[in-house]
C-alpha atoms as a PDB file:
ATOM      1  CA  MET A   1     111.508 108.202 105.466  1.00  0.00           C
ATOM      2  CA  THR A   2     108.530 108.519 102.823  1.00  0.00           C
ATOM      3  CA  ASP A   3     108.088 106.834 100.204  1.00  0.00           C
ATOM      4  CA  ARG A   4     107.257 109.431  97.000  1.00  0.00           C
ATOM      5  CA  ILE A   5     103.630 109.081  95.900  1.00  0.00           C
ATOM      6  CA  GLU A   6     103.467 107.495  92.096  1.00  0.00           C
ATOM      7  CA  LYS A   7     100.371 108.652  90.155  1.00  0.00           C
ATOM      8  CA  ARG A   8      99.250 106.480  87.806  1.00  0.00           C
ATOM      9  CA  SER A   9      96.231 106.464  84.911  1.00  0.00           C
ATOM     10  CA  VAL A  10      93.686 103.350  85.002  1.00  0.00           C
ATOM     11  CA  THR A  11      90.953 102.452  83.213  1.00  0.00           C
ATOM     12  CA  ILE A  12      88.160 101.475  85.050  1.00  0.00           C
ATOM     13  CA  ARG A  13      85.079 100.061  83.353  1.00  0.00           C
ATOM     14  CA  GLY A  14      85.974 101.720  80.470  1.00  0.00           C
ATOM     15  CA  HIS A  15      87.098 105.135  82.347  1.00  0.00           C
ATOM     16  CA  ARG A  16      90.303 106.791  82.733  1.00  0.00           C
ATOM     17  CA  THR A  17      91.247 107.875  86.153  1.00  0.00           C
ATOM     18  CA  SER A  18      94.182 108.659  87.829  1.00  0.00           C
ATOM     19  CA  VAL A  19      95.265 107.172  91.451  1.00  0.00           C
ATOM     20  CA  SER A  20      97.882 108.664  93.519  1.00  0.00           C
ATOM     21  CA  LEU A  21      99.740 105.667  95.755  1.00  0.00           C
ATOM     22  CA  GLU A  22     103.311 105.326  97.624  1.00  0.00           C
ATOM     23  CA  ALA A  23     105.385 103.022  95.617  1.00  0.00           C
ATOM     24  CA  PRO A  24     105.189 100.183  98.001  1.00  0.00           C
ATOM     25  CA  PHE A  25     101.031  99.792  97.732  1.00  0.00           C
ATOM     26  CA  TRP A  26     101.481  99.746  93.587  1.00  0.00           C
ATOM     27  CA  GLU A  27     103.951  96.880  94.557  1.00  0.00           C
ATOM     28  CA  ALA A  28     101.579  95.271  96.760  1.00  0.00           C
ATOM     29  CA  LEU A  29      98.553  95.718  94.405  1.00  0.00           C
ATOM     30  CA  LYS A  30     100.576  94.152  91.172  1.00  0.00           C
ATOM     31  CA  GLU A  31     101.956  91.382  93.390  1.00  0.00           C
ATOM     32  CA  LYS A  32      98.339  90.367  94.703  1.00  0.00           C
ATOM     33  CA  ALA A  33      97.149  90.944  90.846  1.00  0.00           C
ATOM     34  CA  ALA A  34      99.519  88.103  89.904  1.00  0.00           C
ATOM     35  CA  ALA A  35      99.141  86.134  92.998  1.00  0.00           C
ATOM     36  CA  GLU A  36      95.508  85.502  91.712  1.00  0.00           C
ATOM     37  CA  GLY A  37      96.055  85.503  87.974  1.00  0.00           C
ATOM     38  CA  ARG A  38      94.785  88.643  87.166  1.00  0.00           C
ATOM     39  CA  SER A  39      95.342  92.505  85.935  1.00  0.00           C
ATOM     40  CA  LEU A  40      96.243  95.010  88.106  1.00  0.00           C
ATOM     41  CA  GLY A  41      93.167  96.777  86.160  1.00  0.00           C
ATOM     42  CA  SER A  42      91.020  93.965  87.461  1.00  0.00           C
ATOM     43  CA  LEU A  43      92.182  93.885  90.784  1.00  0.00           C
ATOM     44  CA  ILE A  44      91.770  98.113  90.789  1.00  0.00           C
ATOM     45  CA  ALA A  45      88.285  97.963  89.430  1.00  0.00           C
ATOM     46  CA  GLU A  46      87.171  95.592  91.901  1.00  0.00           C
ATOM     47  CA  VAL A  47      88.026  97.511  94.652  1.00  0.00           C
ATOM     48  CA  ASP A  48      86.400 100.607  93.426  1.00  0.00           C
ATOM     49  CA  GLU A  49      83.362  98.716  92.775  1.00  0.00           C
ATOM     50  CA  ALA A  50      83.231  98.475  96.509  1.00  0.00           C
ATOM     51  CA  ALA A  51      84.710 101.435  97.594  1.00  0.00           C
ATOM     52  CA  ASP A  52      82.587 103.968  99.222  1.00  0.00           C
ATOM     53  CA  GLY A  53      84.589 107.056  98.541  1.00  0.00           C
ATOM     54  CA  ASN A  54      88.295 107.768  97.768  1.00  0.00           C
ATOM     55  CA  LEU A  55      89.782 105.278  95.483  1.00  0.00           C
ATOM     56  CA  SER A  56      93.549 105.736  96.700  1.00  0.00           C
ATOM     57  CA  SER A  57      92.364 105.322 100.197  1.00  0.00           C
ATOM     58  CA  ALA A  58      90.494 102.228  99.783  1.00  0.00           C
ATOM     59  CA  LEU A  59      93.211 100.446  97.539  1.00  0.00           C
ATOM     60  CA  ARG A  60      95.394 101.504 100.448  1.00  0.00           C
ATOM     61  CA  LEU A  61      93.282  99.728 103.064  1.00  0.00           C
ATOM     62  CA  HIS A  62      92.766  96.829 100.306  1.00  0.00           C
ATOM     63  CA  VAL A  63      96.427  95.941 100.225  1.00  0.00           C
ATOM     64  CA  VAL A  64      96.954  96.413 104.415  1.00  0.00           C
ATOM     65  CA  THR A  65      94.249  93.895 104.706  1.00  0.00           C
ATOM     66  CA  TRP A  66      95.405  91.599 102.391  1.00  0.00           C
ATOM     67  CA  LEU A  67      98.782  91.667 103.996  1.00  0.00           C
ATOM     68  CA  ARG A  68      97.278  91.598 107.722  1.00  0.00           C
ATOM     69  CA  ALA A  69      95.437  88.299 106.317  1.00  0.00           C
ATOM     70  CA  ARG A  70      98.843  86.907 104.757  1.00  0.00           C
ATOM     71  CA  LEU A  71     100.508  87.400 108.371  1.00  0.00           C
ATOM     72  CA  GLU A  72      97.724  85.785 110.558  1.00  0.00           C
ATOM     73  CA  GLY A  73      97.378  82.871 108.035  1.00  0.00           C
END
């Protein structure tokens, strides 16, 4: 079963853009931001700053890396 893609508008360093991710990725990003006591927007901006290419792909990889670290730790 494939989750539907959710397209959301976000502001990164004062510029509006849209990001398309499946619902489980949005939920994981919100969970990580909350665990770190910060906004989802600041987390997305941090990932965007380090990204070398597509932001949606960078966010998916960020979530996978974070979840793997939680499983291993």
